[in-house]
Amino acid sequence: MPEFVRVESADCEPFRARLLDGFWDRLWGLLGERDPRSAPAAVLCRCSSIHTFGMAYDLDVCLVDGEGRTVASRRGVGPGSVVSKRGAEMAIERPARDGPWIGIGSSVSFAKEEADDAL
């Protein structure tokens, strides 16, 4: 059963994200999600970069260091791209959308949730 976390930052409303910790889960990321309207956000642990090769839609991405500080943030990253930043230890990605997103320098916190909990 997938694990979920609640992602919180002062820059945007808290949101729920699937926790991807294993090598293959991180490599696959959101690739299996074909509909951006229903695709969840994802937190990729032990990850300093993401790729969008094979994606069918754009992503909003932020990279976070070991102290929970955002070191990179990009909106609308198109298919066939790479986002990387030295010092990043995890990545947060979601299908691109309008509205607030996590900015560079912002603190991010995570709280584990049960798979059937809702925000």
PDB file of N, CA and C in Angstrom:
ATOM      1  N   MET A   1       0.856  -1.176   0.000  1.00  0.00           N
ATOM      2  CA  MET A   1       0.000   0.000   0.000  1.00  0.00           C
ATOM      3  C   MET A   1       0.900   1.236   0.000  1.00  0.00           C
ATOM      4  N   PRO A   2       0.613   2.214  -0.846  1.00  0.00           N
ATOM      5  CA  PRO A   2       1.452   3.415  -0.900  1.00  0.00           C
ATOM      6  C   PRO A   2       1.394   4.211   0.387  1.00  0.00           C
ATOM      7  N   GLU A   3       2.522   4.846   0.704  1.00  0.00           N
ATOM      8  CA  GLU A   3       2.567   5.754   1.843  1.00  0.00           C
ATOM      9  C   GLU A   3       2.355   7.178   1.341  1.00  0.00           C
ATOM     10  N   PHE A   4       1.748   7.992   2.188  1.00  0.00           N
ATOM     11  CA  PHE A   4       1.493   9.373   1.845  1.00  0.00           C
ATOM     12  C   PHE A   4       2.029  10.277   2.944  1.00  0.00           C
ATOM     13  N   VAL A   5       2.397  11.493   2.553  1.00  0.00           N
ATOM     14  CA  VAL A   5       2.812  12.512   3.501  1.00  0.00           C
ATOM     15  C   VAL A   5       2.034  13.781   3.230  1.00  0.00           C
ATOM     16  N   ARG A   6       1.910  14.576   4.253  1.00  0.00           N
ATOM     17  CA  ARG A   6       1.331  15.909   4.126  1.00  0.00           C
ATOM     18  C   ARG A   6       2.517  16.857   3.982  1.00  0.00           C
ATOM     19  N   VAL A   7       2.520  17.644   2.917  1.00  0.00           N
ATOM     20  CA  VAL A   7       3.603  18.591   2.638  1.00  0.00           C
ATOM     21  C   VAL A   7       3.116  19.979   3.036  1.00  0.00           C
ATOM     22  N   GLU A   8       3.922  20.682   3.837  1.00  0.00           N
ATOM     23  CA  GLU A   8       3.544  22.007   4.288  1.00  0.00           C
ATOM     24  C   GLU A   8       4.664  22.998   4.025  1.00  0.00           C
ATOM     25  N   SER A   9       4.286  24.180   3.544  1.00  0.00           N
ATOM     26  CA  SER A   9       5.191  25.297   3.309  1.00  0.00           C
ATOM     27  C   SER A   9       4.365  26.565   3.435  1.00  0.00           C
ATOM     28  N   ALA A  10       5.000  27.647   3.848  1.00  0.00           N
ATOM     29  CA  ALA A  10       4.286  28.917   3.964  1.00  0.00           C
ATOM     30  C   ALA A  10       3.863  29.454   2.602  1.00  0.00           C
ATOM     31  N   ASP A  11       4.438  28.939   1.526  1.00  0.00           N
ATOM     32  CA  ASP A  11       4.158  29.450   0.181  1.00  0.00           C
ATOM     33  C   ASP A  11       2.856  28.958  -0.430  1.00  0.00           C
ATOM     34  N   CYS A  12       2.324  27.840   0.055  1.00  0.00           N
ATOM     35  CA  CYS A  12       1.119  27.288  -0.555  1.00  0.00           C
ATOM     36  C   CYS A  12       0.325  26.487   0.468  1.00  0.00           C
ATOM     37  N   GLU A  13      -0.889  26.141   0.092  1.00  0.00           N
ATOM     38  CA  GLU A  13      -1.738  25.324   0.964  1.00  0.00           C
ATOM     39  C   GLU A  13      -1.090  23.955   1.165  1.00  0.00           C
ATOM     40  N   PRO A  14      -1.257  23.348   2.338  1.00  0.00           N
ATOM     41  CA  PRO A  14      -0.746  21.988   2.526  1.00  0.00           C
ATOM     42  C   PRO A  14      -1.359  21.051   1.489  1.00  0.00           C
ATOM     43  N   PHE A  15      -0.599  20.055   1.087  1.00  0.00           N
ATOM     44  CA  PHE A  15      -1.119  19.082   0.131  1.00  0.00           C
ATOM     45  C   PHE A  15      -0.586  17.701   0.451  1.00  0.00           C
ATOM     46  N   ARG A  16      -1.282  16.731  -0.070  1.00  0.00           N
ATOM     47  CA  ARG A  16      -0.972  15.323   0.131  1.00  0.00           C
ATOM     48  C   ARG A  16      -0.106  14.839  -1.027  1.00  0.00           C
ATOM     49  N   ALA A  17       0.906  14.023  -0.711  1.00  0.00           N
ATOM     50  CA  ALA A  17       1.799  13.517  -1.743  1.00  0.00           C
ATOM     51  C   ALA A  17       2.163  12.061  -1.454  1.00  0.00           C
ATOM     52  N   ARG A  18       2.328  11.318  -2.520  1.00  0.00           N
ATOM     53  CA  ARG A  18       2.775   9.933  -2.400  1.00  0.00           C
ATOM     54  C   ARG A  18       4.267   9.947  -2.091  1.00  0.00           C
ATOM     55  N   LEU A  19       4.697   9.154  -1.118  1.00  0.00           N
ATOM     56  CA  LEU A  19       6.095   9.044  -0.727  1.00  0.00           C
ATOM     57  C   LEU A  19       6.757   7.957  -1.569  1.00  0.00           C
ATOM     58  N   LEU A  20       7.781   8.337  -2.330  1.00  0.00           N
ATOM     59  CA  LEU A  20       8.507   7.402  -3.189  1.00  0.00           C
ATOM     60  C   LEU A  20       9.928   7.284  -2.666  1.00  0.00           C
ATOM     61  N   ASP A  21      10.238   6.135  -2.067  1.00  0.00           N
ATOM     62  CA  ASP A  21      11.515   5.974  -1.388  1.00  0.00           C
ATOM     63  C   ASP A  21      12.424   4.954  -2.065  1.00  0.00           C
ATOM     64  N   GLY A  22      11.876   3.943  -2.688  1.00  0.00           N
ATOM     65  CA  GLY A  22      12.689   2.914  -3.338  1.00  0.00           C
ATOM     66  C   GLY A  22      13.261   3.397  -4.666  1.00  0.00           C
ATOM     67  N   PHE A  23      14.361   2.784  -5.112  1.00  0.00           N
ATOM     68  CA  PHE A  23      15.024   3.191  -6.348  1.00  0.00           C
ATOM     69  C   PHE A  23      14.069   3.208  -7.530  1.00  0.00           C
ATOM     70  N   TRP A  24      13.352   2.107  -7.747  1.00  0.00           N
ATOM     71  CA  TRP A  24      12.458   2.034  -8.910  1.00  0.00           C
ATOM     72  C   TRP A  24      11.286   2.984  -8.785  1.00  0.00           C
ATOM     73  N   ASP A  25      10.757   3.165  -7.569  1.00  0.00           N
ATOM     74  CA  ASP A  25       9.668   4.127  -7.360  1.00  0.00           C
ATOM     75  C   ASP A  25      10.126   5.541  -7.701  1.00  0.00           C
ATOM     76  N   ARG A  26      11.338   5.906  -7.257  1.00  0.00           N
ATOM     77  CA  ARG A  26      11.861   7.242  -7.557  1.00  0.00           C
ATOM     78  C   ARG A  26      12.127   7.395  -9.050  1.00  0.00           C
ATOM     79  N   LEU A  27      12.702   6.372  -9.677  1.00  0.00           N
ATOM     80  CA  LEU A  27      12.998   6.443 -11.108  1.00  0.00           C
ATOM     81  C   LEU A  27      11.717   6.601 -11.913  1.00  0.00           C
ATOM     82  N   TRP A  28      10.678   5.876 -11.527  1.00  0.00           N
ATOM     83  CA  TRP A  28       9.400   5.905 -12.237  1.00  0.00           C
ATOM     84  C   TRP A  28       8.630   7.189 -11.940  1.00  0.00           C
ATOM     85  N   GLY A  29       8.660   7.670 -10.687  1.00  0.00           N
ATOM     86  CA  GLY A  29       7.997   8.919 -10.314  1.00  0.00           C
ATOM     87  C   GLY A  29       6.546   8.948 -10.732  1.00  0.00           C
ATOM     88  N   LEU A  30       6.157   9.961 -11.485  1.00  0.00           N
ATOM     89  CA  LEU A  30       4.773  10.119 -11.947  1.00  0.00           C
ATOM     90  C   LEU A  30       4.560   9.596 -13.365  1.00  0.00           C
ATOM     91  N   LEU A  31       5.526   8.868 -13.912  1.00  0.00           N
ATOM     92  CA  LEU A  31       5.408   8.393 -15.290  1.00  0.00           C
ATOM     93  C   LEU A  31       4.159   7.562 -15.553  1.00  0.00           C
ATOM     94  N   GLY A  32       3.728   6.794 -14.584  1.00  0.00           N
ATOM     95  CA  GLY A  32       2.565   5.941 -14.788  1.00  0.00           C
ATOM     96  C   GLY A  32       1.236   6.675 -14.708  1.00  0.00           C
ATOM     97  N   GLU A  33       1.275   7.915 -14.295  1.00  0.00           N
ATOM     98  CA  GLU A  33       0.055   8.715 -14.144  1.00  0.00           C
ATOM     99  C   GLU A  33      -0.198   9.462 -15.443  1.00  0.00           C
ATOM    100  N   ARG A  34      -1.168   9.034 -16.215  1.00  0.00           N
ATOM    101  CA  ARG A  34      -1.413   9.634 -17.532  1.00  0.00           C
ATOM    102  C   ARG A  34      -2.329  10.851 -17.500  1.00  0.00           C
ATOM    103  N   ASP A  35      -3.140  10.984 -16.468  1.00  0.00           N
ATOM    104  CA  ASP A  35      -4.086  12.094 -16.400  1.00  0.00           C
ATOM    105  C   ASP A  35      -3.616  13.094 -15.345  1.00  0.00           C
ATOM    106  N   PRO A  36      -3.145  14.275 -15.755  1.00  0.00           N
ATOM    107  CA  PRO A  36      -2.632  15.232 -14.775  1.00  0.00           C
ATOM    108  C   PRO A  36      -3.692  15.727 -13.790  1.00  0.00           C
ATOM    109  N   ARG A  37      -4.974  15.634 -14.147  1.00  0.00           N
ATOM    110  CA  ARG A  37      -6.023  16.085 -13.228  1.00  0.00           C
ATOM    111  C   ARG A  37      -6.172  15.156 -12.036  1.00  0.00           C
ATOM    112  N   SER A  38      -5.829  13.880 -12.192  1.00  0.00           N
ATOM    113  CA  SER A  38      -5.990  12.938 -11.084  1.00  0.00           C
ATOM    114  C   SER A  38      -4.662  12.448 -10.519  1.00  0.00           C
ATOM    115  N   ALA A  39      -3.551  12.827 -11.134  1.00  0.00           N
ATOM    116  CA  ALA A  39      -2.238  12.376 -10.658  1.00  0.00           C
ATOM    117  C   ALA A  39      -1.914  13.042  -9.320  1.00  0.00           C
ATOM    118  N   PRO A  40      -1.387  12.273  -8.381  1.00  0.00           N
ATOM    119  CA  PRO A  40      -1.026  12.853  -7.088  1.00  0.00           C
ATOM    120  C   PRO A  40       0.301  13.604  -7.182  1.00  0.00           C
ATOM    121  N   ALA A  41       0.578  14.415  -6.194  1.00  0.00           N
ATOM    122  CA  ALA A  41       1.922  14.951  -6.032  1.00  0.00           C
ATOM    123  C   ALA A  41       2.788  13.803  -5.518  1.00  0.00           C
ATOM    124  N   ALA A  42       4.108  13.960  -5.616  1.00  0.00           N
ATOM    125  CA  ALA A  42       5.022  12.920  -5.152  1.00  0.00           C
ATOM    126  C   ALA A  42       6.216  13.548  -4.458  1.00  0.00           C
ATOM    127  N   VAL A  43       6.695  12.872  -3.413  1.00  0.00           N
ATOM    128  CA  VAL A  43       7.930  13.240  -2.731  1.00  0.00           C
ATOM    129  C   VAL A  43       8.917  12.109  -2.977  1.00  0.00           C
ATOM    130  N   LEU A  44      10.035  12.436  -3.616  1.00  0.00           N
ATOM    131  CA  LEU A  44      11.066  11.454  -3.943  1.00  0.00           C
ATOM    132  C   LEU A  44      12.210  11.615  -2.946  1.00  0.00           C
ATOM    133  N   CYS A  45      12.398  10.620  -2.083  1.00  0.00           N
ATOM    134  CA  CYS A  45      13.427  10.661  -1.046  1.00  0.00           C
ATOM    135  C   CYS A  45      14.793  10.316  -1.634  1.00  0.00           C
ATOM    136  N   ARG A  46      15.844  10.840  -0.981  1.00  0.00           N
ATOM    137  CA  ARG A  46      17.225  10.577  -1.411  1.00  0.00           C
ATOM    138  C   ARG A  46      17.379  10.858  -2.906  1.00  0.00           C
ATOM    139  N   CYS A  47      17.013  12.068  -3.300  1.00  0.00           N
ATOM    140  CA  CYS A  47      16.932  12.416  -4.712  1.00  0.00           C
ATOM    141  C   CYS A  47      17.404  13.853  -4.900  1.00  0.00           C
ATOM    142  N   SER A  48      18.424  14.069  -5.730  1.00  0.00           N
ATOM    143  CA  SER A  48      18.926  15.419  -5.966  1.00  0.00           C
ATOM    144  C   SER A  48      18.557  15.950  -7.348  1.00  0.00           C
ATOM    145  N   SER A  49      17.864  15.128  -8.140  1.00  0.00           N
ATOM    146  CA  SER A  49      17.446  15.575  -9.476  1.00  0.00           C
ATOM    147  C   SER A  49      16.242  14.764  -9.930  1.00  0.00           C
ATOM    148  N   ILE A  50      15.510  15.327 -10.877  1.00  0.00           N
ATOM    149  CA  ILE A  50      14.392  14.608 -11.485  1.00  0.00           C
ATOM    150  C   ILE A  50      14.507  14.749 -12.996  1.00  0.00           C
ATOM    151  N   HIS A  51      13.876  13.817 -13.700  1.00  0.00           N
ATOM    152  CA  HIS A  51      13.798  13.904 -15.155  1.00  0.00           C
ATOM    153  C   HIS A  51      12.335  13.820 -15.559  1.00  0.00           C
ATOM    154  N   THR A  52      12.040  14.340 -16.736  1.00  0.00           N
ATOM    155  CA  THR A  52      10.668  14.272 -17.238  1.00  0.00           C
ATOM    156  C   THR A  52      10.606  13.531 -18.569  1.00  0.00           C
ATOM    157  N   PHE A  53      11.597  12.673 -18.829  1.00  0.00           N
ATOM    158  CA  PHE A  53      11.587  11.873 -20.051  1.00  0.00           C
ATOM    159  C   PHE A  53      10.406  10.904 -20.005  1.00  0.00           C
ATOM    160  N   GLY A  54       9.592  10.918 -21.031  1.00  0.00           N
ATOM    161  CA  GLY A  54       8.421  10.050 -21.100  1.00  0.00           C
ATOM    162  C   GLY A  54       7.165  10.637 -20.493  1.00  0.00           C
ATOM    163  N   MET A  55       7.250  11.818 -19.875  1.00  0.00           N
ATOM    164  CA  MET A  55       6.068  12.427 -19.273  1.00  0.00           C
ATOM    165  C   MET A  55       5.126  12.933 -20.359  1.00  0.00           C
ATOM    166  N   ALA A  56       3.841  12.882 -20.059  1.00  0.00           N
ATOM    167  CA  ALA A  56       2.821  13.346 -21.003  1.00  0.00           C
ATOM    168  C   ALA A  56       2.343  14.757 -20.670  1.00  0.00           C
ATOM    169  N   TYR A  57       2.839  15.338 -19.581  1.00  0.00           N
ATOM    170  CA  TYR A  57       2.402  16.665 -19.157  1.00  0.00           C
ATOM    171  C   TYR A  57       3.533  17.343 -18.387  1.00  0.00           C
ATOM    172  N   ASP A  58       3.401  18.659 -18.190  1.00  0.00           N
ATOM    173  CA  ASP A  58       4.398  19.438 -17.463  1.00  0.00           C
ATOM    174  C   ASP A  58       4.283  19.199 -15.961  1.00  0.00           C
ATOM    175  N   LEU A  59       5.389  19.451 -15.248  1.00  0.00           N
ATOM    176  CA  LEU A  59       5.437  19.298 -13.795  1.00  0.00           C
ATOM    177  C   LEU A  59       5.877  20.592 -13.124  1.00  0.00           C
ATOM    178  N   ASP A  60       5.408  20.803 -11.908  1.00  0.00           N
ATOM    179  CA  ASP A  60       5.984  21.776 -10.988  1.00  0.00           C
ATOM    180  C   ASP A  60       6.903  20.971 -10.080  1.00  0.00           C
ATOM    181  N   VAL A  61       8.119  21.466  -9.878  1.00  0.00           N
ATOM    182  CA  VAL A  61       9.139  20.706  -9.150  1.00  0.00           C
ATOM    183  C   VAL A  61       9.828  21.610  -8.143  1.00  0.00           C
ATOM    184  N   CYS A  62      10.138  21.075  -6.970  1.00  0.00           N
ATOM    185  CA  CYS A  62      11.058  21.761  -6.074  1.00  0.00           C
ATOM    186  C   CYS A  62      12.001  20.727  -5.483  1.00  0.00           C
ATOM    187  N   LEU A  63      13.228  21.154  -5.253  1.00  0.00           N
ATOM    188  CA  LEU A  63      14.258  20.317  -4.659  1.00  0.00           C
ATOM    189  C   LEU A  63      14.575  20.878  -3.284  1.00  0.00           C
ATOM    190  N   VAL A  64      14.692  19.981  -2.304  1.00  0.00           N
ATOM    191  CA  VAL A  64      14.808  20.361  -0.899  1.00  0.00           C
ATOM    192  C   VAL A  64      16.082  19.779  -0.323  1.00  0.00           C
ATOM    193  N   ASP A  65      16.805  20.560   0.502  1.00  0.00           N
ATOM    194  CA  ASP A  65      18.033  20.059   1.125  1.00  0.00           C
ATOM    195  C   ASP A  65      17.707  19.283   2.401  1.00  0.00           C
ATOM    196  N   GLY A  66      18.728  18.797   3.081  1.00  0.00           N
ATOM    197  CA  GLY A  66      18.558  17.979   4.280  1.00  0.00           C
ATOM    198  C   GLY A  66      17.975  18.708   5.465  1.00  0.00           C
ATOM    199  N   GLU A  67      17.955  20.038   5.414  1.00  0.00           N
ATOM    200  CA  GLU A  67      17.382  20.830   6.501  1.00  0.00           C
ATOM    201  C   GLU A  67      15.966  21.297   6.194  1.00  0.00           C
ATOM    202  N   GLY A  68      15.401  20.815   5.077  1.00  0.00           N
ATOM    203  CA  GLY A  68      14.033  21.168   4.722  1.00  0.00           C
ATOM    204  C   GLY A  68      13.894  22.495   4.016  1.00  0.00           C
ATOM    205  N   ARG A  69      14.986  23.026   3.484  1.00  0.00           N
ATOM    206  CA  ARG A  69      14.967  24.311   2.775  1.00  0.00           C
ATOM    207  C   ARG A  69      14.969  24.057   1.276  1.00  0.00           C
ATOM    208  N   THR A  70      14.111  24.762   0.541  1.00  0.00           N
ATOM    209  CA  THR A  70      14.021  24.614  -0.906  1.00  0.00           C
ATOM    210  C   THR A  70      15.239  25.264  -1.572  1.00  0.00           C
ATOM    211  N   VAL A  71      15.969  24.454  -2.355  1.00  0.00           N
ATOM    212  CA  VAL A  71      17.172  24.952  -3.032  1.00  0.00           C
ATOM    213  C   VAL A  71      16.947  25.176  -4.526  1.00  0.00           C
ATOM    214  N   ALA A  72      15.848  24.670  -5.066  1.00  0.00           N
ATOM    215  CA  ALA A  72      15.487  24.897  -6.468  1.00  0.00           C
ATOM    216  C   ALA A  72      13.975  24.756  -6.587  1.00  0.00           C
ATOM    217  N   SER A  73      13.377  25.565  -7.453  1.00  0.00           N
ATOM    218  CA  SER A  73      11.941  25.496  -7.691  1.00  0.00           C
ATOM    219  C   SER A  73      11.677  25.896  -9.130  1.00  0.00           C
ATOM    220  N   ARG A  74      10.950  25.044  -9.846  1.00  0.00           N
ATOM    221  CA  ARG A  74      10.625  25.334 -11.246  1.00  0.00           C
ATOM    222  C   ARG A  74       9.169  25.006 -11.496  1.00  0.00           C
ATOM    223  N   ARG A  75       8.525  25.831 -12.300  1.00  0.00           N
ATOM    224  CA  ARG A  75       7.128  25.631 -12.672  1.00  0.00           C
ATOM    225  C   ARG A  75       7.059  25.205 -14.131  1.00  0.00           C
ATOM    226  N   GLY A  76       6.119  24.346 -14.476  1.00  0.00           N
ATOM    227  CA  GLY A  76       5.856  23.985 -15.861  1.00  0.00           C
ATOM    228  C   GLY A  76       7.035  23.339 -16.570  1.00  0.00           C
ATOM    229  N   VAL A  77       7.715  22.432 -15.896  1.00  0.00           N
ATOM    230  CA  VAL A  77       8.856  21.741 -16.506  1.00  0.00           C
ATOM    231  C   VAL A  77       8.312  20.749 -17.533  1.00  0.00           C
ATOM    232  N   GLY A  78       8.673  20.952 -18.778  1.00  0.00           N
ATOM    233  CA  GLY A  78       8.138  20.140 -19.859  1.00  0.00           C
ATOM    234  C   GLY A  78       8.813  18.790 -20.001  1.00  0.00           C
ATOM    235  N   PRO A  79       8.186  17.892 -20.776  1.00  0.00           N
ATOM    236  CA  PRO A  79       8.766  16.575 -21.047  1.00  0.00           C
ATOM    237  C   PRO A  79      10.168  16.698 -21.655  1.00  0.00           C
ATOM    238  N   GLY A  80      11.027  15.740 -21.301  1.00  0.00           N
ATOM    239  CA  GLY A  80      12.385  15.707 -21.832  1.00  0.00           C
ATOM    240  C   GLY A  80      13.361  16.611 -21.109  1.00  0.00           C
ATOM    241  N   SER A  81      13.042  17.021 -19.882  1.00  0.00           N
ATOM    242  CA  SER A  81      13.890  17.935 -19.117  1.00  0.00           C
ATOM    243  C   SER A  81      14.512  17.250 -17.907  1.00  0.00           C
ATOM    244  N   VAL A  82      15.539  17.894 -17.358  1.00  0.00           N
ATOM    245  CA  VAL A  82      16.168  17.463 -16.109  1.00  0.00           C
ATOM    246  C   VAL A  82      16.245  18.678 -15.198  1.00  0.00           C
ATOM    247  N   VAL A  83      15.909  18.494 -13.931  1.00  0.00           N
ATOM    248  CA  VAL A  83      16.069  19.531 -12.921  1.00  0.00           C
ATOM    249  C   VAL A  83      16.975  18.946 -11.853  1.00  0.00           C
ATOM    250  N   SER A  84      18.079  19.637 -11.557  1.00  0.00           N
ATOM    251  CA  SER A  84      19.072  19.132 -10.624  1.00  0.00           C
ATOM    252  C   SER A  84      19.647  20.291  -9.830  1.00  0.00           C
ATOM    253  N   LYS A  85      20.057  20.026  -8.582  1.00  0.00           N
ATOM    254  CA  LYS A  85      20.686  21.055  -7.774  1.00  0.00           C
ATOM    255  C   LYS A  85      21.586  20.398  -6.737  1.00  0.00           C
ATOM    256  N   ARG A  86      22.837  20.825  -6.721  1.00  0.00           N
ATOM    257  CA  ARG A  86      23.772  20.323  -5.711  1.00  0.00           C
ATOM    258  C   ARG A  86      23.212  20.648  -4.321  1.00  0.00           C
ATOM    259  N   GLY A  87      23.286  19.706  -3.417  1.00  0.00           N
ATOM    260  CA  GLY A  87      22.798  19.898  -2.059  1.00  0.00           C
ATOM    261  C   GLY A  87      21.374  19.426  -1.840  1.00  0.00           C
ATOM    262  N   ALA A  88      20.649  19.147  -2.913  1.00  0.00           N
ATOM    263  CA  ALA A  88      19.273  18.648  -2.764  1.00  0.00           C
ATOM    264  C   ALA A  88      19.300  17.213  -2.266  1.00  0.00           C
ATOM    265  N   GLU A  89      18.350  16.888  -1.412  1.00  0.00           N
ATOM    266  CA  GLU A  89      18.243  15.528  -0.886  1.00  0.00           C
ATOM    267  C   GLU A  89      16.883  14.902  -1.145  1.00  0.00           C
ATOM    268  N   MET A  90      15.939  15.710  -1.592  1.00  0.00           N
ATOM    269  CA  MET A  90      14.641  15.167  -1.971  1.00  0.00           C
ATOM    270  C   MET A  90      13.991  16.094  -2.982  1.00  0.00           C
ATOM    271  N   ALA A  91      13.045  15.530  -3.715  1.00  0.00           N
ATOM    272  CA  ALA A  91      12.328  16.299  -4.728  1.00  0.00           C
ATOM    273  C   ALA A  91      10.830  16.191  -4.452  1.00  0.00           C
ATOM    274  N   ILE A  92      10.128  17.268  -4.766  1.00  0.00           N
ATOM    275  CA  ILE A  92       8.673  17.275  -4.706  1.00  0.00           C
ATOM    276  C   ILE A  92       8.197  17.630  -6.105  1.00  0.00           C
ATOM    277  N   GLU A  93       7.281  16.831  -6.629  1.00  0.00           N
ATOM    278  CA  GLU A  93       6.761  17.110  -7.967  1.00  0.00           C
ATOM    279  C   GLU A  93       5.255  16.916  -7.982  1.00  0.00           C
ATOM    280  N   ARG A  94       4.624  17.672  -8.869  1.00  0.00           N
ATOM    281  CA  ARG A  94       3.182  17.553  -9.061  1.00  0.00           C
ATOM    282  C   ARG A  94       2.897  17.938 -10.516  1.00  0.00           C
ATOM    283  N   PRO A  95       1.761  17.506 -11.050  1.00  0.00           N
ATOM    284  CA  PRO A  95       1.375  18.006 -12.368  1.00  0.00           C
ATOM    285  C   PRO A  95       1.280  19.530 -12.307  1.00  0.00           C
ATOM    286  N   ALA A  96       1.805  20.211 -13.305  1.00  0.00           N
ATOM    287  CA  ALA A  96       1.806  21.678 -13.309  1.00  0.00           C
ATOM    288  C   ALA A  96       0.386  22.217 -13.246  1.00  0.00           C
ATOM    289  N   ARG A  97       0.218  23.281 -12.476  1.00  0.00           N
ATOM    290  CA  ARG A  97      -1.085  23.924 -12.355  1.00  0.00           C
ATOM    291  C   ARG A  97      -0.894  25.369 -11.925  1.00  0.00           C
ATOM    292  N   ASP A  98      -1.944  26.147 -12.084  1.00  0.00           N
ATOM    293  CA  ASP A  98      -1.920  27.528 -11.618  1.00  0.00           C
ATOM    294  C   ASP A  98      -1.984  27.548 -10.096  1.00  0.00           C
ATOM    295  N   GLY A  99      -1.654  28.682  -9.540  1.00  0.00           N
ATOM    296  CA  GLY A  99      -1.738  28.842  -8.101  1.00  0.00           C
ATOM    297  C   GLY A  99      -0.374  28.794  -7.448  1.00  0.00           C
ATOM    298  N   PRO A 100      -0.342  28.980  -6.142  1.00  0.00           N
ATOM    299  CA  PRO A 100       0.918  29.049  -5.411  1.00  0.00           C
ATOM    300  C   PRO A 100       1.718  27.748  -5.485  1.00  0.00           C
ATOM    301  N   TRP A 101       3.037  27.903  -5.414  1.00  0.00           N
ATOM    302  CA  TRP A 101       3.955  26.764  -5.373  1.00  0.00           C
ATOM    303  C   TRP A 101       5.096  27.128  -4.440  1.00  0.00           C
ATOM    304  N   ILE A 102       5.856  26.164  -4.042  1.00  0.00           N
ATOM    305  CA  ILE A 102       6.942  26.325  -3.082  1.00  0.00           C
ATOM    306  C   ILE A 102       8.101  27.081  -3.735  1.00  0.00           C
ATOM    307  N   GLY A 103       8.548  28.161  -3.103  1.00  0.00           N
ATOM    308  CA  GLY A 103       9.615  28.990  -3.659  1.00  0.00           C
ATOM    309  C   GLY A 103      10.979  28.666  -3.081  1.00  0.00           C
ATOM    310  N   ILE A 104      12.008  29.107  -3.776  1.00  0.00           N
ATOM    311  CA  ILE A 104      13.387  28.911  -3.328  1.00  0.00           C
ATOM    312  C   ILE A 104      13.574  29.587  -1.968  1.00  0.00           C
ATOM    313  N   GLY A 105      14.235  28.890  -1.048  1.00  0.00           N
ATOM    314  CA  GLY A 105      14.493  29.406   0.290  1.00  0.00           C
ATOM    315  C   GLY A 105      13.414  29.085   1.299  1.00  0.00           C
ATOM    316  N   SER A 106      12.273  28.619   0.853  1.00  0.00           N
ATOM    317  CA  SER A 106      11.171  28.286   1.764  1.00  0.00           C
ATOM    318  C   SER A 106      11.447  27.004   2.526  1.00  0.00           C
ATOM    319  N   SER A 107      10.983  26.959   3.751  1.00  0.00           N
ATOM    320  CA  SER A 107      11.057  25.743   4.549  1.00  0.00           C
ATOM    321  C   SER A 107       9.895  24.834   4.182  1.00  0.00           C
ATOM    322  N   VAL A 108      10.187  23.545   4.136  1.00  0.00           N
ATOM    323  CA  VAL A 108       9.172  22.541   3.821  1.00  0.00           C
ATOM    324  C   VAL A 108       9.175  21.519   4.945  1.00  0.00           C
ATOM    325  N   SER A 109       8.003  21.106   5.387  1.00  0.00           N
ATOM    326  CA  SER A 109       7.914  20.049   6.396  1.00  0.00           C
ATOM    327  C   SER A 109       6.990  18.949   5.890  1.00  0.00           C
ATOM    328  N   PHE A 110       7.176  17.769   6.471  1.00  0.00           N
ATOM    329  CA  PHE A 110       6.439  16.588   6.050  1.00  0.00           C
ATOM    330  C   PHE A 110       5.897  15.881   7.269  1.00  0.00           C
ATOM    331  N   ALA A 111       4.669  15.369   7.149  1.00  0.00           N
ATOM    332  CA  ALA A 111       4.065  14.570   8.197  1.00  0.00           C
ATOM    333  C   ALA A 111       3.454  13.335   7.548  1.00  0.00           C
ATOM    334  N   LYS A 112       3.766  12.167   8.088  1.00  0.00           N
ATOM    335  CA  LYS A 112       3.213  10.936   7.515  1.00  0.00           C
ATOM    336  C   LYS A 112       1.712  10.890   7.713  1.00  0.00           C
ATOM    337  N   GLU A 113       1.046  10.318   6.709  1.00  0.00           N
ATOM    338  CA  GLU A 113      -0.398  10.111   6.747  1.00  0.00           C
ATOM    339  C   GLU A 113      -0.697   8.661   6.418  1.00  0.00           C
ATOM    340  N   GLU A 114      -1.868   8.236   6.800  1.00  0.00           N
ATOM    341  CA  GLU A 114      -2.342   6.932   6.368  1.00  0.00           C
ATOM    342  C   GLU A 114      -2.861   7.074   4.950  1.00  0.00           C
ATOM    343  N   ALA A 115      -2.849   6.007   4.168  1.00  0.00           N
ATOM    344  CA  ALA A 115      -3.245   6.051   2.766  1.00  0.00           C
ATOM    345  C   ALA A 115      -4.674   6.516   2.587  1.00  0.00           C
ATOM    346  N   ASP A 116      -5.555   6.277   3.554  1.00  0.00           N
ATOM    347  CA  ASP A 116      -6.945   6.650   3.369  1.00  0.00           C
ATOM    348  C   ASP A 116      -7.298   7.967   4.077  1.00  0.00           C
ATOM    349  N   ASP A 117      -6.321   8.652   4.683  1.00  0.00           N
ATOM    350  CA  ASP A 117      -6.575   9.967   5.279  1.00  0.00           C
ATOM    351  C   ASP A 117      -6.748  10.994   4.172  1.00  0.00           C
ATOM    352  N   ALA A 118      -7.573  11.964   4.387  1.00  0.00           N
ATOM    353  CA  ALA A 118      -7.756  13.042   3.408  1.00  0.00           C
ATOM    354  C   ALA A 118      -7.387  14.366   4.064  1.00  0.00           C
ATOM    355  N   LEU A 119      -6.939  15.295   3.243  1.00  0.00           N
ATOM    356  CA  LEU A 119      -6.643  16.634   3.765  1.00  0.00           C
ATOM    357  C   LEU A 119      -7.913  17.422   3.936  1.00  0.00           C
TER     358      LEU A 119
END
